[in-house]
Amino acid sequence: MESEALTTTVTKAKVLRPYVEKLITKARAGDLHSRRLVLAKVPNNDAVTKLFDEIGPRYADRDGGYTRITKLGPRRGDGTELARIELV
């Protein structure tokens, strides 16, 4: 959440996408109940503050599809496919 982008394997990025999408959907509501639900899943208070103050309002008029997965090619060394997951 802090850097708004992450480089990881394709499989991990695909697993992470629905988790991040749900957090942003809760942040769009912006109420106390949603903040507490997000704090239960994300222990970093700074990340939750950024999520609710900056990222949530940015996507207020968007109904979904907050993230993008871009394939980067194989990793040098073991050949694992890498991907970058980032906010749109």
C-alpha atoms as a PDB file:
ATOM      1  CA  MET A   1       0.000   0.000   0.000  1.00  0.00           C
ATOM      2  CA  GLU A   2       2.787   2.412   0.785  1.00  0.00           C
ATOM      3  CA  SER A   3       4.585   2.230  -2.572  1.00  0.00           C
ATOM      4  CA  GLU A   4       1.443   1.336  -4.583  1.00  0.00           C
ATOM      5  CA  ALA A   5       3.412  -1.284  -6.562  1.00  0.00           C
ATOM      6  CA  LEU A   6       5.073  -4.624  -5.830  1.00  0.00           C
ATOM      7  CA  THR A   7       7.243  -6.975  -7.882  1.00  0.00           C
ATOM      8  CA  THR A   8       6.624 -10.646  -7.109  1.00  0.00           C
ATOM      9  CA  THR A   9       5.858 -13.922  -8.869  1.00  0.00           C
ATOM     10  CA  VAL A  10       2.841 -14.171 -11.153  1.00  0.00           C
ATOM     11  CA  THR A  11       1.105 -16.665  -8.853  1.00  0.00           C
ATOM     12  CA  LYS A  12       1.531 -14.497  -5.763  1.00  0.00           C
ATOM     13  CA  ALA A  13       0.321 -11.424  -7.659  1.00  0.00           C
ATOM     14  CA  LYS A  14      -2.837 -13.262  -8.740  1.00  0.00           C
ATOM     15  CA  VAL A  15      -3.493 -14.303  -5.126  1.00  0.00           C
ATOM     16  CA  LEU A  16      -2.831 -10.773  -3.836  1.00  0.00           C
ATOM     17  CA  ARG A  17      -5.141  -8.999  -6.310  1.00  0.00           C
ATOM     18  CA  PRO A  18      -8.557  -9.898  -4.769  1.00  0.00           C
ATOM     19  CA  TYR A  19      -7.216  -9.135  -1.280  1.00  0.00           C
ATOM     20  CA  VAL A  20      -6.127  -5.617  -2.311  1.00  0.00           C
ATOM     21  CA  GLU A  21      -9.325  -5.004  -4.291  1.00  0.00           C
ATOM     22  CA  LYS A  22     -11.464  -5.777  -1.230  1.00  0.00           C
ATOM     23  CA  LEU A  23      -9.378  -3.486   0.987  1.00  0.00           C
ATOM     24  CA  ILE A  24      -9.757  -0.590  -1.458  1.00  0.00           C
ATOM     25  CA  THR A  25     -13.506  -1.198  -1.732  1.00  0.00           C
ATOM     26  CA  LYS A  26     -13.767  -0.924   2.059  1.00  0.00           C
ATOM     27  CA  ALA A  27     -11.610   2.226   2.018  1.00  0.00           C
ATOM     28  CA  ARG A  28     -13.981   3.839  -0.480  1.00  0.00           C
ATOM     29  CA  ALA A  29     -16.732   3.736   2.164  1.00  0.00           C
ATOM     30  CA  GLY A  30     -14.494   5.646   4.563  1.00  0.00           C
ATOM     31  CA  ASP A  31     -16.542   4.969   7.701  1.00  0.00           C
ATOM     32  CA  LEU A  32     -15.271   3.827  11.089  1.00  0.00           C
ATOM     33  CA  HIS A  33     -16.580   0.280  10.700  1.00  0.00           C
ATOM     34  CA  SER A  34     -14.700  -0.185   7.420  1.00  0.00           C
ATOM     35  CA  ARG A  35     -11.524   1.242   8.952  1.00  0.00           C
ATOM     36  CA  ARG A  36     -11.716  -1.240  11.827  1.00  0.00           C
ATOM     37  CA  LEU A  37     -12.278  -4.136   9.423  1.00  0.00           C
ATOM     38  CA  VAL A  38      -9.193  -3.123   7.445  1.00  0.00           C
ATOM     39  CA  LEU A  39      -7.116  -2.631  10.611  1.00  0.00           C
ATOM     40  CA  ALA A  40      -7.957  -6.213  11.593  1.00  0.00           C
ATOM     41  CA  LYS A  41      -6.296  -7.444   8.379  1.00  0.00           C
ATOM     42  CA  VAL A  42      -3.516  -4.851   7.945  1.00  0.00           C
ATOM     43  CA  PRO A  43      -1.592  -4.190  11.175  1.00  0.00           C
ATOM     44  CA  ASN A  44       0.376  -1.234   9.749  1.00  0.00           C
ATOM     45  CA  ASN A  45      -1.444   1.917  10.869  1.00  0.00           C
ATOM     46  CA  ASP A  46       0.408   4.155   8.379  1.00  0.00           C
ATOM     47  CA  ALA A  47      -0.683   1.970   5.452  1.00  0.00           C
ATOM     48  CA  VAL A  48      -4.313   2.054   6.615  1.00  0.00           C
ATOM     49  CA  THR A  49      -4.189   5.837   6.972  1.00  0.00           C
ATOM     50  CA  LYS A  50      -2.846   6.197   3.430  1.00  0.00           C
ATOM     51  CA  LEU A  51      -5.454   3.736   2.170  1.00  0.00           C
ATOM     52  CA  PHE A  52      -8.348   5.708   3.655  1.00  0.00           C
ATOM     53  CA  ASP A  53      -7.006   9.254   3.112  1.00  0.00           C
ATOM     54  CA  GLU A  54      -5.465   8.976  -0.368  1.00  0.00           C
ATOM     55  CA  ILE A  55      -6.247   5.726  -2.172  1.00  0.00           C
ATOM     56  CA  GLY A  56      -9.919   5.322  -1.213  1.00  0.00           C
ATOM     57  CA  PRO A  57     -11.029   8.791  -2.359  1.00  0.00           C
ATOM     58  CA  ARG A  58      -8.995   8.423  -5.568  1.00  0.00           C
ATOM     59  CA  TYR A  59     -11.192   5.480  -6.624  1.00  0.00           C
ATOM     60  CA  ALA A  60     -14.503   6.865  -5.314  1.00  0.00           C
ATOM     61  CA  ASP A  61     -16.126   6.837  -8.754  1.00  0.00           C
ATOM     62  CA  ARG A  62     -14.606   3.532  -9.918  1.00  0.00           C
ATOM     63  CA  ASP A  63     -16.537   0.297  -9.335  1.00  0.00           C
ATOM     64  CA  GLY A  64     -13.609  -2.104  -9.367  1.00  0.00           C
ATOM     65  CA  GLY A  65     -10.446  -2.974 -11.228  1.00  0.00           C
ATOM     66  CA  TYR A  66      -8.139  -0.958  -9.004  1.00  0.00           C
ATOM     67  CA  THR A  67      -5.059  -3.085  -9.717  1.00  0.00           C
ATOM     68  CA  ARG A  68      -3.050  -4.078 -12.770  1.00  0.00           C
ATOM     69  CA  ILE A  69      -0.741  -7.088 -13.139  1.00  0.00           C
ATOM     70  CA  THR A  70       2.075  -6.677 -15.655  1.00  0.00           C
ATOM     71  CA  LYS A  71       4.230  -9.694 -16.509  1.00  0.00           C
ATOM     72  CA  LEU A  72       7.951  -8.930 -16.455  1.00  0.00           C
ATOM     73  CA  GLY A  73       9.441 -12.172 -17.771  1.00  0.00           C
ATOM     74  CA  PRO A  74      11.507 -14.873 -16.095  1.00  0.00           C
ATOM     75  CA  ARG A  75      13.659 -14.193 -13.048  1.00  0.00           C
ATOM     76  CA  ARG A  76      17.357 -14.644 -13.545  1.00  0.00           C
ATOM     77  CA  GLY A  77      18.586 -17.643 -11.608  1.00  0.00           C
ATOM     78  CA  ASP A  78      15.556 -19.901 -11.303  1.00  0.00           C
ATOM     79  CA  GLY A  79      13.380 -18.851 -14.264  1.00  0.00           C
ATOM     80  CA  THR A  80      10.272 -18.062 -12.222  1.00  0.00           C
ATOM     81  CA  GLU A  81       7.859 -15.745 -14.031  1.00  0.00           C
ATOM     82  CA  LEU A  82       7.832 -12.315 -12.383  1.00  0.00           C
ATOM     83  CA  ALA A  83       5.005  -9.798 -12.378  1.00  0.00           C
ATOM     84  CA  ARG A  84       4.393  -6.307 -11.068  1.00  0.00           C
ATOM     85  CA  ILE A  85       1.092  -5.618  -9.328  1.00  0.00           C
ATOM     86  CA  GLU A  86       0.265  -1.925  -9.110  1.00  0.00           C
ATOM     87  CA  LEU A  87      -2.640   0.405  -8.559  1.00  0.00           C
ATOM     88  CA  VAL A  88      -4.212   1.787 -11.727  1.00  0.00           C
END
